[in-house]
Amino acid sequence: PGSGERFEGLLPPVSTAPCFSIRKPATTPFELGDYVDQGALAPALAEALKDSIRTHSNILIAGGTSSGKTTFTNALLAEASLGDDRIVILEDTRELKCAAPNVVQLRTHRGSTSLQDLVRSTLRLRPDRIIVGEVRGPEALDLLKAWNTGHPGGITTLHANSAYGALQRLEQLTLEATPRAPFDLIAEAIDVVVFMSRAGGRRR
């Protein structure tokens, strides 16, 4: 329906029996205070992240499937919404929620408009913050360049098994657009790496 739900289904002979998965986004976005209340985030870390948002640090959120990357991104967007920045959000599937008074949400279109196309178009929209739901291809290089040339304060996510692995994965994605990994650009553009994991069935 266009509000962030995801469905994946399989039938025999691909699977031994019919199976499916439905992902439904939370109706009320979590805030950083909710993570603190549930013991999933230390109060000092929550304050550090709030400060990172206020100072326009670029934040990379990493983790495995269903680790809570999108939910946590929404919590950070809630903090970013408190200012008067023009926020541009780019996604494949609309999952991010932003209550900022000046927000533009763009979505890819299969076969015609890629995330890389959107990142490049965004630079002409006078953004203060560029948010990408998930980087998974050559758009990573364009995003890093944008963050590093007058558009700080961005947030994006990717799949990785550790914070260090997230930087390695980012390096791999940039190599889809350039023959040499831009190590200096990555070091300059990424200010904060947040790694999400599930411990005892809970997200941390």
N, C-alpha and C. Protein backbone atom coordinates (compact mmCIF):
# COMPACT_ATOMS: atom_id res chain seq x y z
N PRO A 1 0.81 -1.22 0.00
CA PRO A 1 0.00 0.00 0.00
C PRO A 1 0.84 1.27 0.00
N GLY A 2 2.17 1.15 0.01
CA GLY A 2 3.01 2.33 -0.05
C GLY A 2 3.37 2.94 1.27
N SER A 3 3.08 2.27 2.38
CA SER A 3 3.41 2.81 3.70
C SER A 3 4.51 2.02 4.39
N GLY A 4 5.28 1.26 3.64
CA GLY A 4 6.45 0.60 4.21
C GLY A 4 6.34 -0.88 4.45
N GLU A 5 5.17 -1.47 4.21
CA GLU A 5 5.03 -2.91 4.43
C GLU A 5 5.83 -3.68 3.37
N ARG A 6 6.35 -4.84 3.78
CA ARG A 6 7.09 -5.69 2.84
C ARG A 6 6.58 -7.12 2.94
N PHE A 7 6.48 -7.77 1.79
CA PHE A 7 6.02 -9.16 1.75
C PHE A 7 6.97 -9.96 0.88
N GLU A 8 7.31 -11.14 1.37
CA GLU A 8 8.11 -12.08 0.58
C GLU A 8 7.48 -13.46 0.73
N GLY A 9 7.16 -14.10 -0.38
CA GLY A 9 6.54 -15.42 -0.33
C GLY A 9 7.22 -16.40 -1.26
N LEU A 10 7.24 -17.67 -0.88
CA LEU A 10 7.84 -18.73 -1.69
C LEU A 10 6.91 -19.93 -1.73
N LEU A 11 6.87 -20.60 -2.88
CA LEU A 11 6.04 -21.78 -3.07
C LEU A 11 6.89 -22.93 -3.61
N PRO A 12 6.43 -24.18 -3.41
CA PRO A 12 7.12 -25.32 -4.02
C PRO A 12 7.15 -25.14 -5.54
N PRO A 13 8.19 -25.58 -6.24
CA PRO A 13 9.27 -26.43 -5.74
C PRO A 13 10.45 -25.68 -5.13
N VAL A 14 10.38 -24.34 -5.09
CA VAL A 14 11.48 -23.58 -4.50
C VAL A 14 11.60 -23.90 -3.01
N SER A 15 10.47 -24.02 -2.32
CA SER A 15 10.46 -24.38 -0.90
C SER A 15 9.70 -25.70 -0.74
N THR A 16 9.94 -26.38 0.38
CA THR A 16 9.26 -27.66 0.60
C THR A 16 7.78 -27.47 0.90
N ALA A 17 7.43 -26.28 1.39
CA ALA A 17 6.03 -25.94 1.68
C ALA A 17 5.89 -24.43 1.52
N PRO A 18 4.67 -23.94 1.35
CA PRO A 18 4.50 -22.49 1.24
C PRO A 18 5.04 -21.77 2.47
N CYS A 19 5.75 -20.69 2.25
CA CYS A 19 6.25 -19.90 3.38
C CYS A 19 6.24 -18.43 2.98
N PHE A 20 6.11 -17.56 3.97
CA PHE A 20 6.09 -16.13 3.67
C PHE A 20 6.54 -15.34 4.88
N SER A 21 6.92 -14.11 4.62
CA SER A 21 7.33 -13.19 5.67
C SER A 21 6.69 -11.84 5.40
N ILE A 22 6.11 -11.23 6.44
CA ILE A 22 5.51 -9.91 6.33
C ILE A 22 6.22 -8.98 7.30
N ARG A 23 6.70 -7.86 6.79
CA ARG A 23 7.33 -6.85 7.64
C ARG A 23 6.44 -5.62 7.66
N LYS A 24 6.01 -5.24 8.85
CA LYS A 24 5.10 -4.11 9.00
C LYS A 24 5.78 -3.05 9.88
N PRO A 25 5.92 -1.84 9.39
CA PRO A 25 6.59 -0.80 10.18
C PRO A 25 5.77 -0.39 11.39
N ALA A 26 6.46 0.11 12.39
CA ALA A 26 5.79 0.58 13.60
C ALA A 26 4.90 1.78 13.26
N THR A 27 3.72 1.82 13.85
CA THR A 27 2.81 2.94 13.59
C THR A 27 3.28 4.21 14.31
N THR A 28 3.93 4.04 15.46
CA THR A 28 4.47 5.17 16.21
C THR A 28 5.98 5.04 16.27
N PRO A 29 6.73 5.94 15.64
CA PRO A 29 8.19 5.82 15.63
C PRO A 29 8.79 5.85 17.03
N PHE A 30 9.79 5.01 17.26
CA PHE A 30 10.56 5.04 18.49
C PHE A 30 11.36 6.33 18.53
N GLU A 31 11.62 6.82 19.73
CA GLU A 31 12.55 7.91 19.94
C GLU A 31 13.73 7.39 20.74
N LEU A 32 14.81 8.15 20.78
CA LEU A 32 16.00 7.70 21.51
C LEU A 32 15.67 7.42 22.98
N GLY A 33 14.78 8.22 23.54
CA GLY A 33 14.39 8.01 24.94
C GLY A 33 13.73 6.66 25.15
N ASP A 34 13.02 6.15 24.16
CA ASP A 34 12.39 4.83 24.26
C ASP A 34 13.44 3.73 24.33
N TYR A 35 14.52 3.88 23.57
CA TYR A 35 15.61 2.90 23.63
C TYR A 35 16.26 2.91 25.01
N VAL A 36 16.43 4.10 25.57
CA VAL A 36 17.01 4.22 26.92
C VAL A 36 16.09 3.56 27.94
N ASP A 37 14.79 3.83 27.85
CA ASP A 37 13.82 3.27 28.80
C ASP A 37 13.80 1.75 28.76
N GLN A 38 14.04 1.17 27.59
CA GLN A 38 14.02 -0.28 27.44
C GLN A 38 15.37 -0.93 27.73
N GLY A 39 16.36 -0.12 28.07
CA GLY A 39 17.68 -0.65 28.37
C GLY A 39 18.48 -1.04 27.15
N ALA A 40 18.04 -0.62 25.97
CA ALA A 40 18.75 -0.96 24.73
C ALA A 40 19.82 0.05 24.37
N LEU A 41 19.81 1.21 25.04
CA LEU A 41 20.77 2.27 24.74
C LEU A 41 21.13 2.99 26.03
N ALA A 42 22.43 3.13 26.29
CA ALA A 42 22.88 3.83 27.49
C ALA A 42 22.53 5.31 27.38
N PRO A 43 22.12 5.94 28.49
CA PRO A 43 21.77 7.36 28.45
C PRO A 43 22.88 8.24 27.87
N ALA A 44 24.13 7.92 28.22
CA ALA A 44 25.25 8.73 27.71
C ALA A 44 25.37 8.62 26.20
N LEU A 45 25.11 7.43 25.67
CA LEU A 45 25.17 7.24 24.22
C LEU A 45 24.02 7.98 23.53
N ALA A 46 22.86 7.98 24.16
CA ALA A 46 21.72 8.71 23.59
C ALA A 46 22.04 10.19 23.49
N GLU A 47 22.65 10.74 24.54
CA GLU A 47 23.01 12.16 24.52
C GLU A 47 24.08 12.44 23.48
N ALA A 48 25.03 11.50 23.33
CA ALA A 48 26.08 11.67 22.32
C ALA A 48 25.48 11.68 20.92
N LEU A 49 24.49 10.83 20.69
CA LEU A 49 23.84 10.79 19.37
C LEU A 49 23.02 12.06 19.12
N LYS A 50 22.36 12.56 20.15
CA LYS A 50 21.62 13.82 20.00
C LYS A 50 22.58 14.95 19.64
N ASP A 51 23.74 14.95 20.29
CA ASP A 51 24.75 15.97 19.99
C ASP A 51 25.27 15.82 18.56
N SER A 52 25.41 14.57 18.11
CA SER A 52 25.87 14.32 16.74
C SER A 52 24.87 14.87 15.73
N ILE A 53 23.58 14.73 16.03
CA ILE A 53 22.56 15.29 15.15
C ILE A 53 22.62 16.81 15.16
N ARG A 54 22.75 17.40 16.34
CA ARG A 54 22.79 18.86 16.45
C ARG A 54 23.98 19.46 15.71
N THR A 55 25.11 18.75 15.74
CA THR A 55 26.33 19.27 15.11
C THR A 55 26.48 18.83 13.65
N HIS A 56 25.45 18.23 13.10
CA HIS A 56 25.45 17.80 11.69
C HIS A 56 26.56 16.79 11.38
N SER A 57 26.74 15.83 12.27
CA SER A 57 27.66 14.73 11.98
C SER A 57 26.98 13.77 11.00
N ASN A 58 27.78 13.11 10.18
CA ASN A 58 27.26 12.09 9.27
C ASN A 58 27.27 10.74 9.97
N ILE A 59 26.13 10.05 9.96
CA ILE A 59 25.96 8.83 10.74
C ILE A 59 25.68 7.65 9.84
N LEU A 60 26.46 6.59 10.02
CA LEU A 60 26.28 5.33 9.29
C LEU A 60 25.74 4.30 10.27
N ILE A 61 24.57 3.74 9.98
CA ILE A 61 23.94 2.73 10.84
C ILE A 61 24.07 1.38 10.17
N ALA A 62 24.64 0.41 10.88
CA ALA A 62 24.89 -0.91 10.30
C ALA A 62 24.29 -2.00 11.17
N GLY A 63 24.05 -3.15 10.55
CA GLY A 63 23.52 -4.29 11.28
C GLY A 63 23.01 -5.33 10.31
N GLY A 64 22.58 -6.45 10.86
CA GLY A 64 22.04 -7.51 10.03
C GLY A 64 20.57 -7.28 9.72
N THR A 65 19.97 -8.22 8.99
CA THR A 65 18.55 -8.14 8.67
C THR A 65 17.71 -8.16 9.94
N SER A 66 16.73 -7.29 10.02
CA SER A 66 15.81 -7.19 11.17
C SER A 66 16.52 -6.82 12.46
N SER A 67 17.65 -6.13 12.36
CA SER A 67 18.35 -5.69 13.57
C SER A 67 17.80 -4.36 14.08
N GLY A 68 16.97 -3.70 13.30
CA GLY A 68 16.36 -2.45 13.75
C GLY A 68 16.98 -1.19 13.17
N LYS A 69 17.65 -1.32 12.04
CA LYS A 69 18.32 -0.16 11.44
C LYS A 69 17.33 0.94 11.05
N THR A 70 16.24 0.54 10.41
CA THR A 70 15.26 1.53 9.96
C THR A 70 14.58 2.20 11.14
N THR A 71 14.22 1.42 12.13
CA THR A 71 13.57 1.97 13.32
C THR A 71 14.48 2.97 14.02
N PHE A 72 15.77 2.64 14.09
CA PHE A 72 16.72 3.54 14.75
C PHE A 72 16.94 4.79 13.91
N THR A 73 16.94 4.63 12.60
CA THR A 73 17.06 5.80 11.72
C THR A 73 15.90 6.76 11.96
N ASN A 74 14.70 6.21 12.12
CA ASN A 74 13.54 7.06 12.41
C ASN A 74 13.70 7.80 13.73
N ALA A 75 14.32 7.15 14.71
CA ALA A 75 14.55 7.81 16.00
C ALA A 75 15.51 8.99 15.83
N LEU A 76 16.53 8.81 15.01
CA LEU A 76 17.46 9.91 14.75
C LEU A 76 16.79 11.02 13.94
N LEU A 77 15.92 10.63 13.01
CA LEU A 77 15.19 11.63 12.23
C LEU A 77 14.27 12.47 13.11
N ALA A 78 13.74 11.85 14.17
CA ALA A 78 12.90 12.60 15.10
C ALA A 78 13.71 13.73 15.75
N GLU A 79 14.98 13.46 16.03
CA GLU A 79 15.85 14.50 16.59
C GLU A 79 16.17 15.56 15.55
N ALA A 80 16.47 15.12 14.33
CA ALA A 80 16.80 16.07 13.26
C ALA A 80 15.60 16.96 12.93
N SER A 81 14.40 16.46 13.15
CA SER A 81 13.18 17.20 12.82
C SER A 81 12.96 18.40 13.74
N LEU A 82 13.69 18.45 14.85
CA LEU A 82 13.50 19.54 15.81
C LEU A 82 14.08 20.85 15.29
N GLY A 83 14.96 20.78 14.31
CA GLY A 83 15.55 21.99 13.74
C GLY A 83 14.75 22.48 12.54
N ASP A 84 15.34 23.42 11.81
CA ASP A 84 14.66 23.97 10.63
C ASP A 84 15.38 23.59 9.34
N ASP A 85 16.13 22.50 9.37
CA ASP A 85 16.86 22.05 8.18
C ASP A 85 15.90 21.55 7.10
N ARG A 86 16.32 21.71 5.86
CA ARG A 86 15.62 21.10 4.73
C ARG A 86 16.18 19.69 4.58
N ILE A 87 15.35 18.69 4.83
CA ILE A 87 15.77 17.30 4.85
C ILE A 87 15.25 16.59 3.60
N VAL A 88 16.16 15.97 2.86
CA VAL A 88 15.77 15.21 1.67
C VAL A 88 16.03 13.73 1.95
N ILE A 89 15.00 12.91 1.80
CA ILE A 89 15.07 11.48 2.11
C ILE A 89 14.93 10.68 0.82
N LEU A 90 15.86 9.76 0.61
CA LEU A 90 15.87 8.92 -0.59
C LEU A 90 15.72 7.46 -0.19
N GLU A 91 14.78 6.75 -0.84
CA GLU A 91 14.53 5.35 -0.47
C GLU A 91 14.13 4.53 -1.69
N ASP A 92 14.32 3.22 -1.56
CA ASP A 92 13.75 2.27 -2.52
C ASP A 92 12.30 1.97 -2.14
N THR A 93 12.09 1.70 -0.86
CA THR A 93 10.76 1.44 -0.30
C THR A 93 10.50 2.47 0.79
N ARG A 94 9.36 3.10 0.78
CA ARG A 94 9.09 4.17 1.73
C ARG A 94 8.89 3.60 3.14
N GLU A 95 9.90 3.81 3.98
CA GLU A 95 9.86 3.33 5.36
C GLU A 95 10.17 4.41 6.38
N LEU A 96 10.89 5.43 5.98
CA LEU A 96 11.31 6.46 6.93
C LEU A 96 10.23 7.50 7.13
N LYS A 97 10.12 7.95 8.39
CA LYS A 97 9.12 8.95 8.75
C LYS A 97 9.84 10.16 9.31
N CYS A 98 9.46 11.33 8.84
CA CYS A 98 10.12 12.55 9.28
C CYS A 98 9.08 13.65 9.45
N ALA A 99 9.05 14.23 10.64
CA ALA A 99 8.05 15.26 10.95
C ALA A 99 8.59 16.67 10.75
N ALA A 100 9.74 16.80 10.11
CA ALA A 100 10.33 18.12 9.89
C ALA A 100 9.39 18.97 9.03
N PRO A 101 9.34 20.27 9.28
CA PRO A 101 8.46 21.14 8.48
C PRO A 101 8.90 21.28 7.03
N ASN A 102 10.17 21.02 6.76
CA ASN A 102 10.69 21.16 5.40
C ASN A 102 11.37 19.86 4.99
N VAL A 103 10.59 18.93 4.49
CA VAL A 103 11.11 17.61 4.14
C VAL A 103 10.66 17.24 2.72
N VAL A 104 11.57 16.63 1.97
CA VAL A 104 11.28 16.13 0.63
C VAL A 104 11.60 14.64 0.62
N GLN A 105 10.64 13.80 0.25
CA GLN A 105 10.86 12.36 0.21
C GLN A 105 10.79 11.87 -1.24
N LEU A 106 11.87 11.24 -1.67
CA LEU A 106 11.99 10.73 -3.04
C LEU A 106 12.13 9.22 -3.02
N ARG A 107 11.65 8.60 -4.07
CA ARG A 107 11.67 7.14 -4.14
C ARG A 107 12.14 6.69 -5.51
N THR A 108 12.90 5.61 -5.54
CA THR A 108 13.39 5.08 -6.81
C THR A 108 12.23 4.49 -7.62
N HIS A 109 12.48 4.31 -8.91
CA HIS A 109 11.51 3.66 -9.79
C HIS A 109 12.26 2.64 -10.62
N ARG A 110 11.86 1.39 -10.48
CA ARG A 110 12.57 0.30 -11.15
C ARG A 110 12.65 0.54 -12.66
N GLY A 111 13.87 0.46 -13.16
CA GLY A 111 14.08 0.58 -14.59
C GLY A 111 14.29 1.99 -15.10
N SER A 112 14.04 2.99 -14.25
CA SER A 112 14.18 4.37 -14.74
C SER A 112 14.94 5.29 -13.79
N THR A 113 14.74 5.13 -12.49
CA THR A 113 15.35 6.05 -11.53
C THR A 113 16.00 5.27 -10.40
N SER A 114 17.32 5.31 -10.32
CA SER A 114 18.06 4.59 -9.29
C SER A 114 18.39 5.52 -8.12
N LEU A 115 18.90 4.94 -7.04
CA LEU A 115 19.33 5.76 -5.91
C LEU A 115 20.46 6.69 -6.34
N GLN A 116 21.33 6.20 -7.20
CA GLN A 116 22.41 7.05 -7.70
C GLN A 116 21.85 8.26 -8.43
N ASP A 117 20.81 8.06 -9.23
CA ASP A 117 20.15 9.18 -9.92
C ASP A 117 19.57 10.17 -8.91
N LEU A 118 18.94 9.63 -7.87
CA LEU A 118 18.31 10.50 -6.88
C LEU A 118 19.33 11.31 -6.09
N VAL A 119 20.45 10.66 -5.72
CA VAL A 119 21.49 11.39 -4.98
C VAL A 119 21.98 12.58 -5.81
N ARG A 120 22.20 12.35 -7.09
CA ARG A 120 22.69 13.42 -7.95
C ARG A 120 21.64 14.52 -8.13
N SER A 121 20.38 14.14 -8.24
CA SER A 121 19.31 15.14 -8.38
C SER A 121 19.13 15.94 -7.09
N THR A 122 19.34 15.28 -5.96
CA THR A 122 19.15 15.92 -4.66
C THR A 122 20.04 17.15 -4.50
N LEU A 123 21.23 17.12 -5.07
CA LEU A 123 22.15 18.24 -4.92
C LEU A 123 21.59 19.52 -5.51
N ARG A 124 20.60 19.41 -6.39
CA ARG A 124 19.97 20.60 -6.97
C ARG A 124 18.72 21.03 -6.21
N LEU A 125 18.43 20.34 -5.12
CA LEU A 125 17.24 20.66 -4.32
C LEU A 125 17.57 21.46 -3.06
N ARG A 126 18.81 21.91 -2.95
CA ARG A 126 19.27 22.71 -1.81
C ARG A 126 19.02 22.01 -0.48
N PRO A 127 19.50 20.77 -0.32
CA PRO A 127 19.29 20.06 0.94
C PRO A 127 20.25 20.53 2.04
N ASP A 128 19.77 20.51 3.27
CA ASP A 128 20.66 20.69 4.43
C ASP A 128 21.14 19.33 4.93
N ARG A 129 20.26 18.34 4.83
CA ARG A 129 20.61 16.96 5.22
C ARG A 129 20.14 16.01 4.12
N ILE A 130 21.00 15.05 3.79
CA ILE A 130 20.64 14.03 2.81
C ILE A 130 20.57 12.69 3.52
N ILE A 131 19.40 12.07 3.51
CA ILE A 131 19.17 10.80 4.19
C ILE A 131 18.91 9.73 3.14
N VAL A 132 19.63 8.63 3.19
CA VAL A 132 19.40 7.51 2.27
C VAL A 132 19.01 6.29 3.09
N GLY A 133 17.85 5.72 2.78
CA GLY A 133 17.35 4.60 3.57
C GLY A 133 18.35 3.47 3.70
N GLU A 134 18.97 3.08 2.59
CA GLU A 134 20.00 2.04 2.61
C GLU A 134 20.87 2.16 1.37
N VAL A 135 22.18 2.16 1.56
CA VAL A 135 23.09 2.15 0.40
C VAL A 135 23.45 0.70 0.12
N ARG A 136 23.41 0.35 -1.17
CA ARG A 136 23.73 -1.03 -1.54
C ARG A 136 24.41 -1.11 -2.90
N GLY A 137 24.86 0.05 -3.43
CA GLY A 137 25.46 0.05 -4.75
C GLY A 137 26.33 1.27 -4.97
N PRO A 138 26.56 1.64 -6.23
CA PRO A 138 27.48 2.74 -6.55
C PRO A 138 27.04 4.10 -6.04
N GLU A 139 25.78 4.22 -5.62
CA GLU A 139 25.34 5.51 -5.05
C GLU A 139 26.10 5.87 -3.79
N ALA A 140 26.77 4.89 -3.17
CA ALA A 140 27.55 5.15 -1.96
C ALA A 140 28.61 6.22 -2.22
N LEU A 141 29.26 6.15 -3.36
CA LEU A 141 30.30 7.13 -3.67
C LEU A 141 29.71 8.52 -3.84
N ASP A 142 28.60 8.64 -4.55
CA ASP A 142 27.96 9.94 -4.74
C ASP A 142 27.50 10.52 -3.41
N LEU A 143 26.99 9.66 -2.53
CA LEU A 143 26.52 10.13 -1.23
C LEU A 143 27.68 10.66 -0.40
N LEU A 144 28.79 9.93 -0.36
CA LEU A 144 29.96 10.38 0.40
C LEU A 144 30.46 11.72 -0.12
N LYS A 145 30.48 11.88 -1.43
CA LYS A 145 30.92 13.15 -2.01
C LYS A 145 29.98 14.28 -1.61
N ALA A 146 28.67 14.00 -1.62
CA ALA A 146 27.69 15.03 -1.25
C ALA A 146 27.85 15.42 0.21
N TRP A 147 27.98 14.43 1.09
CA TRP A 147 28.17 14.71 2.50
C TRP A 147 29.41 15.54 2.75
N ASN A 148 30.42 15.32 1.93
CA ASN A 148 31.72 15.94 2.17
C ASN A 148 31.89 17.27 1.44
N THR A 149 30.86 17.71 0.74
CA THR A 149 30.97 18.96 -0.02
C THR A 149 29.79 19.89 0.28
N GLY A 150 29.60 20.18 1.54
CA GLY A 150 28.61 21.17 1.91
C GLY A 150 27.25 20.66 2.31
N HIS A 151 27.09 19.34 2.47
CA HIS A 151 25.79 18.80 2.89
C HIS A 151 25.97 17.81 4.04
N PRO A 152 26.55 18.24 5.16
CA PRO A 152 26.75 17.33 6.29
C PRO A 152 25.44 17.10 7.04
N GLY A 153 25.49 16.16 7.98
CA GLY A 153 24.31 15.87 8.79
C GLY A 153 23.47 14.75 8.24
N GLY A 154 24.07 13.93 7.36
CA GLY A 154 23.32 12.84 6.74
C GLY A 154 23.26 11.58 7.57
N ILE A 155 22.36 10.70 7.17
CA ILE A 155 22.21 9.39 7.81
C ILE A 155 21.96 8.37 6.70
N THR A 156 22.58 7.20 6.83
CA THR A 156 22.27 6.09 5.94
C THR A 156 22.49 4.78 6.67
N THR A 157 22.03 3.69 6.08
CA THR A 157 22.21 2.36 6.68
C THR A 157 22.80 1.42 5.64
N LEU A 158 23.40 0.35 6.14
CA LEU A 158 23.82 -0.75 5.28
C LEU A 158 23.91 -2.03 6.10
N HIS A 159 23.98 -3.16 5.40
CA HIS A 159 24.10 -4.45 6.07
C HIS A 159 25.56 -4.76 6.35
N ALA A 160 25.87 -5.11 7.59
CA ALA A 160 27.23 -5.47 7.98
C ALA A 160 27.16 -6.22 9.30
N ASN A 161 28.24 -6.94 9.62
CA ASN A 161 28.29 -7.74 10.84
C ASN A 161 29.00 -7.06 12.00
N SER A 162 29.55 -5.88 11.77
CA SER A 162 30.24 -5.13 12.83
C SER A 162 30.41 -3.69 12.36
N ALA A 163 30.82 -2.83 13.28
CA ALA A 163 31.07 -1.44 12.91
C ALA A 163 32.23 -1.35 11.92
N TYR A 164 33.29 -2.11 12.18
CA TYR A 164 34.43 -2.13 11.26
C TYR A 164 34.01 -2.72 9.91
N GLY A 165 33.21 -3.78 9.98
CA GLY A 165 32.72 -4.39 8.75
C GLY A 165 31.86 -3.43 7.94
N ALA A 166 31.20 -2.48 8.61
CA ALA A 166 30.39 -1.49 7.90
C ALA A 166 31.26 -0.60 7.03
N LEU A 167 32.42 -0.21 7.55
CA LEU A 167 33.33 0.62 6.76
C LEU A 167 33.92 -0.17 5.60
N GLN A 168 34.20 -1.46 5.84
CA GLN A 168 34.69 -2.31 4.75
C GLN A 168 33.62 -2.47 3.67
N ARG A 169 32.39 -2.65 4.09
CA ARG A 169 31.28 -2.78 3.14
C ARG A 169 31.10 -1.50 2.34
N LEU A 170 31.22 -0.36 3.00
CA LEU A 170 31.11 0.92 2.31
C LEU A 170 32.21 1.05 1.26
N GLU A 171 33.40 0.61 1.62
CA GLU A 171 34.52 0.61 0.66
C GLU A 171 34.18 -0.24 -0.56
N GLN A 172 33.62 -1.43 -0.33
CA GLN A 172 33.26 -2.32 -1.43
C GLN A 172 32.22 -1.69 -2.35
N LEU A 173 31.26 -0.98 -1.76
CA LEU A 173 30.22 -0.35 -2.57
C LEU A 173 30.78 0.77 -3.44
N THR A 174 31.72 1.53 -2.91
CA THR A 174 32.29 2.61 -3.72
C THR A 174 33.07 2.05 -4.91
N LEU A 175 33.60 0.83 -4.76
CA LEU A 175 34.36 0.22 -5.85
C LEU A 175 33.48 -0.16 -7.04
N GLU A 176 32.16 -0.10 -6.85
CA GLU A 176 31.25 -0.32 -7.97
C GLU A 176 31.19 0.91 -8.89
N ALA A 177 31.77 2.03 -8.39
CA ALA A 177 31.72 3.27 -9.18
C ALA A 177 33.10 3.82 -9.51
N THR A 178 34.14 3.29 -8.87
CA THR A 178 35.49 3.79 -9.09
C THR A 178 36.49 2.65 -8.95
N PRO A 179 37.60 2.67 -9.70
CA PRO A 179 38.55 1.56 -9.63
C PRO A 179 39.39 1.52 -8.36
N ARG A 180 39.46 2.65 -7.65
CA ARG A 180 40.25 2.71 -6.42
C ARG A 180 39.38 3.17 -5.27
N ALA A 181 39.48 2.48 -4.15
CA ALA A 181 38.67 2.84 -2.99
C ALA A 181 39.08 4.20 -2.44
N PRO A 182 38.13 5.11 -2.21
CA PRO A 182 38.45 6.45 -1.72
C PRO A 182 38.55 6.48 -0.19
N PHE A 183 39.64 5.91 0.33
CA PHE A 183 39.78 5.79 1.78
C PHE A 183 39.70 7.15 2.48
N ASP A 184 40.38 8.15 1.92
CA ASP A 184 40.38 9.47 2.55
C ASP A 184 38.97 10.06 2.57
N LEU A 185 38.22 9.85 1.51
CA LEU A 185 36.85 10.36 1.44
C LEU A 185 35.97 9.70 2.49
N ILE A 186 36.11 8.38 2.65
CA ILE A 186 35.33 7.66 3.66
C ILE A 186 35.67 8.17 5.05
N ALA A 187 36.98 8.32 5.32
CA ALA A 187 37.42 8.78 6.64
C ALA A 187 36.92 10.19 6.93
N GLU A 188 36.87 11.03 5.91
CA GLU A 188 36.44 12.41 6.09
C GLU A 188 34.93 12.52 6.22
N ALA A 189 34.20 11.68 5.50
CA ALA A 189 32.74 11.83 5.43
C ALA A 189 32.00 11.16 6.58
N ILE A 190 32.49 10.03 7.07
CA ILE A 190 31.78 9.29 8.12
C ILE A 190 32.27 9.73 9.50
N ASP A 191 31.36 10.30 10.29
CA ASP A 191 31.72 10.77 11.63
C ASP A 191 31.36 9.76 12.72
N VAL A 192 30.23 9.08 12.54
CA VAL A 192 29.73 8.16 13.58
C VAL A 192 29.25 6.88 12.91
N VAL A 193 29.63 5.74 13.50
CA VAL A 193 29.11 4.44 13.05
C VAL A 193 28.32 3.83 14.20
N VAL A 194 27.07 3.50 13.95
CA VAL A 194 26.22 2.84 14.94
C VAL A 194 25.99 1.41 14.47
N PHE A 195 26.31 0.44 15.33
CA PHE A 195 26.08 -0.96 14.97
C PHE A 195 24.91 -1.51 15.78
N MET A 196 23.93 -2.07 15.07
CA MET A 196 22.74 -2.64 15.70
C MET A 196 22.86 -4.16 15.73
N SER A 197 22.49 -4.76 16.85
CA SER A 197 22.51 -6.22 16.94
C SER A 197 21.37 -6.68 17.83
N ARG A 198 21.07 -7.96 17.75
CA ARG A 198 20.04 -8.55 18.60
C ARG A 198 20.72 -9.40 19.66
N ALA A 199 20.46 -9.09 20.92
CA ALA A 199 21.04 -9.83 22.04
C ALA A 199 19.90 -10.41 22.87
N GLY A 200 19.80 -11.73 22.91
CA GLY A 200 18.72 -12.36 23.64
C GLY A 200 17.35 -12.01 23.10
N GLY A 201 17.28 -11.84 21.76
CA GLY A 201 16.01 -11.51 21.14
C GLY A 201 15.66 -10.04 21.19
N ARG A 202 16.55 -9.22 21.79
CA ARG A 202 16.29 -7.78 21.88
C ARG A 202 17.29 -7.02 21.03
N ARG A 203 16.85 -5.90 20.49
CA ARG A 203 17.73 -5.08 19.67
C ARG A 203 18.59 -4.19 20.54
N ARG A 204 19.90 -4.14 20.21
CA ARG A 204 20.84 -3.30 20.97
C ARG A 204 21.81 -2.62 20.02
